Amino acid sequence: MHAKDILIDGYGRIREEVHATVEDLGPDDLNARPAAGTNSIAWLVWHLIRVQDDHVADAFGLDQVWTAQGWEKRFGLDLPRHDTGYGHSPAKVAKVRVDSAELLTGYCDAVHEQTLDALRSLTAKDLERVVDENWDPPVTLGVRLVSVLSDDLQHVGQAAYVRGLLQSTSA
């Protein structure tokens, strides 16, 4: 098995978990924040997809799906157009509200397709290419891809936990 095949499998798991986490949830549950200052399922899922979109597009020299395919307009958030949610205050978290799970899964699927196309083109040598010199040591494409994968899986796990919390209090 090649490294790109492992990455393709890992990124596929992000998509699967996003779908499983938001499936059958309405706006109330998607936008609920279990306690003051916490993140909603909508924010967690939007953020993880935005980070993947931003970082993969940057690493491969692609346009972000968010702007290129009109997802920014479909979401209609009162945030700067290239905002990914990094460092959001509770007030900014509150601005990320969605009307349906389908909006989140649609954006997720579009980003997933672009990510898969990029990953399919990888060679072993590509993974060694430096994509960010702002760190010591500089970040290679391989490290960036694993970092995004790890971050996304953590956030979708958090969203699944929030779903469980909401379901346990409504039962």
Protein backbone atom coordinates (compact mmCIF):
# COMPACT_ATOMS: atom_id res chain seq x y z
CA MET A 1 0.00 0.00 0.00
CA HIS A 2 1.29 3.44 -0.90
CA ALA A 3 1.24 6.43 1.44
CA LYS A 4 -1.31 8.19 -0.76
CA ASP A 5 -3.66 5.21 -0.35
CA ILE A 6 -3.43 5.50 3.41
CA LEU A 7 -4.16 9.23 3.20
CA ILE A 8 -7.12 8.61 0.88
CA ASP A 9 -8.52 6.11 3.37
CA GLY A 10 -8.00 8.50 6.30
CA TYR A 11 -9.66 11.44 4.56
CA GLY A 12 -12.53 9.15 3.57
CA ARG A 13 -13.09 8.44 7.25
CA ILE A 14 -13.49 12.16 7.93
CA ARG A 15 -16.28 12.33 5.37
CA GLU A 16 -17.97 9.20 6.75
CA GLU A 17 -17.86 10.52 10.32
CA VAL A 18 -19.19 13.94 9.32
CA HIS A 19 -22.17 12.32 7.61
CA ALA A 20 -22.81 9.99 10.57
CA THR A 21 -22.57 12.85 13.06
CA VAL A 22 -25.00 15.26 11.40
CA GLU A 23 -27.40 12.70 9.94
CA ASP A 24 -31.05 13.37 10.85
CA LEU A 25 -30.23 16.48 12.92
CA GLY A 26 -32.34 19.59 12.52
CA PRO A 27 -31.23 23.19 12.94
CA ASP A 28 -31.91 23.24 16.69
CA ASP A 29 -29.51 20.38 17.40
CA LEU A 30 -26.94 21.46 14.81
CA ASN A 31 -26.72 24.96 16.26
CA ALA A 32 -27.11 24.12 19.97
CA ARG A 33 -24.20 24.91 22.26
CA PRO A 34 -24.26 22.57 25.28
CA ALA A 35 -22.90 25.27 27.62
CA ALA A 36 -21.83 28.87 27.45
CA GLY A 37 -18.64 29.32 25.47
CA THR A 38 -18.76 25.87 23.84
CA ASN A 39 -18.91 24.93 20.18
CA SER A 40 -21.95 23.69 18.32
CA ILE A 41 -21.99 20.71 15.98
CA ALA A 42 -22.48 23.16 13.10
CA TRP A 43 -19.41 25.18 14.07
CA LEU A 44 -17.20 22.11 14.64
CA VAL A 45 -18.13 20.53 11.32
CA TRP A 46 -17.95 23.82 9.38
CA HIS A 47 -14.55 24.56 10.93
CA LEU A 48 -13.03 21.17 10.19
CA ILE A 49 -14.18 21.33 6.58
CA ARG A 50 -12.96 24.93 6.20
CA VAL A 51 -9.52 23.98 7.53
CA GLN A 52 -9.29 21.02 5.18
CA ASP A 53 -10.43 23.17 2.26
CA ASP A 54 -7.99 25.97 3.11
CA HIS A 55 -4.94 23.83 3.84
CA VAL A 56 -5.31 21.33 1.01
CA ALA A 57 -6.02 24.08 -1.53
CA ASP A 58 -2.97 26.02 -0.34
CA ALA A 59 -0.68 22.97 -0.36
CA PHE A 60 -1.68 21.96 -3.89
CA GLY A 61 -2.08 25.45 -5.40
CA LEU A 62 -5.84 25.08 -5.85
CA ASP A 63 -8.77 27.43 -5.36
CA GLN A 64 -10.74 26.87 -2.19
CA VAL A 65 -14.05 25.10 -2.75
CA TRP A 66 -15.59 27.59 -0.29
CA THR A 67 -15.27 30.48 -2.71
CA ALA A 68 -14.78 28.77 -6.10
CA GLN A 69 -17.98 26.71 -5.85
CA GLY A 70 -20.12 29.28 -4.06
CA TRP A 71 -20.34 27.63 -0.64
CA GLU A 72 -19.52 30.93 1.05
CA LYS A 73 -22.73 32.40 -0.40
CA ARG A 74 -24.81 29.30 0.40
CA PHE A 75 -23.79 29.45 4.06
CA GLY A 76 -24.28 33.24 4.20
CA LEU A 77 -22.23 33.68 7.37
CA ASP A 78 -21.42 37.11 8.76
CA LEU A 79 -17.68 36.36 8.68
CA PRO A 80 -14.76 37.33 6.44
CA ARG A 81 -14.78 35.23 3.27
CA HIS A 82 -11.55 33.35 4.03
CA ASP A 83 -12.32 32.73 7.72
CA THR A 84 -11.71 29.14 8.79
CA GLY A 85 -12.77 29.47 12.41
CA TYR A 86 -9.24 29.39 13.78
CA GLY A 87 -9.12 31.32 17.06
CA HIS A 88 -12.85 32.09 17.09
CA SER A 89 -14.25 33.74 20.19
CA PRO A 90 -17.60 32.52 21.53
CA ALA A 91 -19.25 35.45 19.73
CA LYS A 92 -17.81 34.36 16.38
CA VAL A 93 -18.72 30.73 17.05
CA ALA A 94 -22.32 31.93 17.49
CA LYS A 95 -22.26 33.39 13.96
CA VAL A 96 -21.87 29.94 12.42
CA ARG A 97 -25.45 28.72 12.12
CA VAL A 98 -26.89 26.38 9.52
CA ASP A 99 -30.42 25.50 8.48
CA SER A 100 -29.74 21.88 7.55
CA ALA A 101 -27.34 18.98 7.82
CA GLU A 102 -27.38 18.81 4.02
CA LEU A 103 -25.59 22.16 3.81
CA LEU A 104 -22.74 20.77 5.92
CA THR A 105 -22.57 17.42 4.13
CA GLY A 106 -22.76 19.08 0.72
CA TYR A 107 -19.78 21.29 1.49
CA CYS A 108 -17.99 18.34 3.07
CA ASP A 109 -18.54 16.21 -0.04
CA ALA A 110 -17.30 18.96 -2.36
CA VAL A 111 -14.12 19.47 -0.30
CA HIS A 112 -13.66 15.71 -0.05
CA GLU A 113 -13.76 15.36 -3.85
CA GLN A 114 -11.14 18.08 -4.31
CA THR A 115 -8.99 16.51 -1.60
CA LEU A 116 -9.24 13.07 -3.22
CA ASP A 117 -8.29 14.47 -6.62
CA ALA A 118 -5.23 16.10 -5.05
CA LEU A 119 -4.25 12.98 -3.09
CA ARG A 120 -4.57 10.71 -6.14
CA SER A 121 -1.92 12.81 -7.89
CA LEU A 122 0.66 12.34 -5.12
CA THR A 123 4.03 10.70 -5.48
CA ALA A 124 6.28 9.73 -2.59
CA LYS A 125 8.60 12.60 -3.51
CA ASP A 126 5.70 15.10 -3.32
CA LEU A 127 5.24 14.33 0.37
CA GLU A 128 8.73 15.72 1.07
CA ARG A 129 7.99 19.11 -0.52
CA VAL A 130 8.07 22.00 1.95
CA VAL A 131 4.71 23.79 2.04
CA ASP A 132 5.20 26.09 5.04
CA GLU A 133 8.48 27.67 6.08
CA ASN A 134 6.96 29.50 9.07
CA TRP A 135 7.87 26.59 11.37
CA ASP A 136 11.12 25.09 12.56
CA PRO A 137 11.54 22.62 11.02
CA PRO A 138 9.63 23.67 7.90
CA VAL A 139 6.40 21.76 7.26
CA THR A 140 6.37 19.23 4.44
CA LEU A 141 3.30 18.28 2.45
CA GLY A 142 3.21 14.90 4.18
CA VAL A 143 3.24 16.49 7.63
CA ARG A 144 0.59 19.04 6.63
CA LEU A 145 -1.73 16.34 5.30
CA VAL A 146 -1.39 14.25 8.46
CA SER A 147 -1.88 17.35 10.61
CA VAL A 148 -5.15 18.23 8.84
CA LEU A 149 -6.29 14.62 9.05
CA SER A 150 -5.62 14.53 12.78
CA ASP A 151 -7.28 17.89 13.44
CA ASP A 152 -10.36 16.98 11.40
CA LEU A 153 -10.82 13.62 13.13
CA GLN A 154 -10.53 15.31 16.54
CA HIS A 155 -13.17 17.90 15.62
CA VAL A 156 -15.61 15.39 14.16
CA GLY A 157 -15.17 13.35 17.34
CA GLN A 158 -16.01 16.44 19.37
CA ALA A 159 -19.10 17.02 17.21
CA ALA A 160 -20.19 13.41 17.75
CA TYR A 161 -19.75 13.89 21.49
CA VAL A 162 -21.92 17.03 21.41
CA ARG A 163 -24.54 15.04 19.49
CA GLY A 164 -24.49 12.41 22.24
CA LEU A 165 -24.81 15.07 24.93
CA LEU A 166 -27.80 16.65 23.19
CA GLN A 167 -29.50 13.32 22.65
CA SER A 168 -28.97 12.27 26.29
CA THR A 169 -30.57 15.47 27.62
CA SER A 170 -33.55 15.29 25.26
CA ALA A 171 -34.42 11.67 26.08
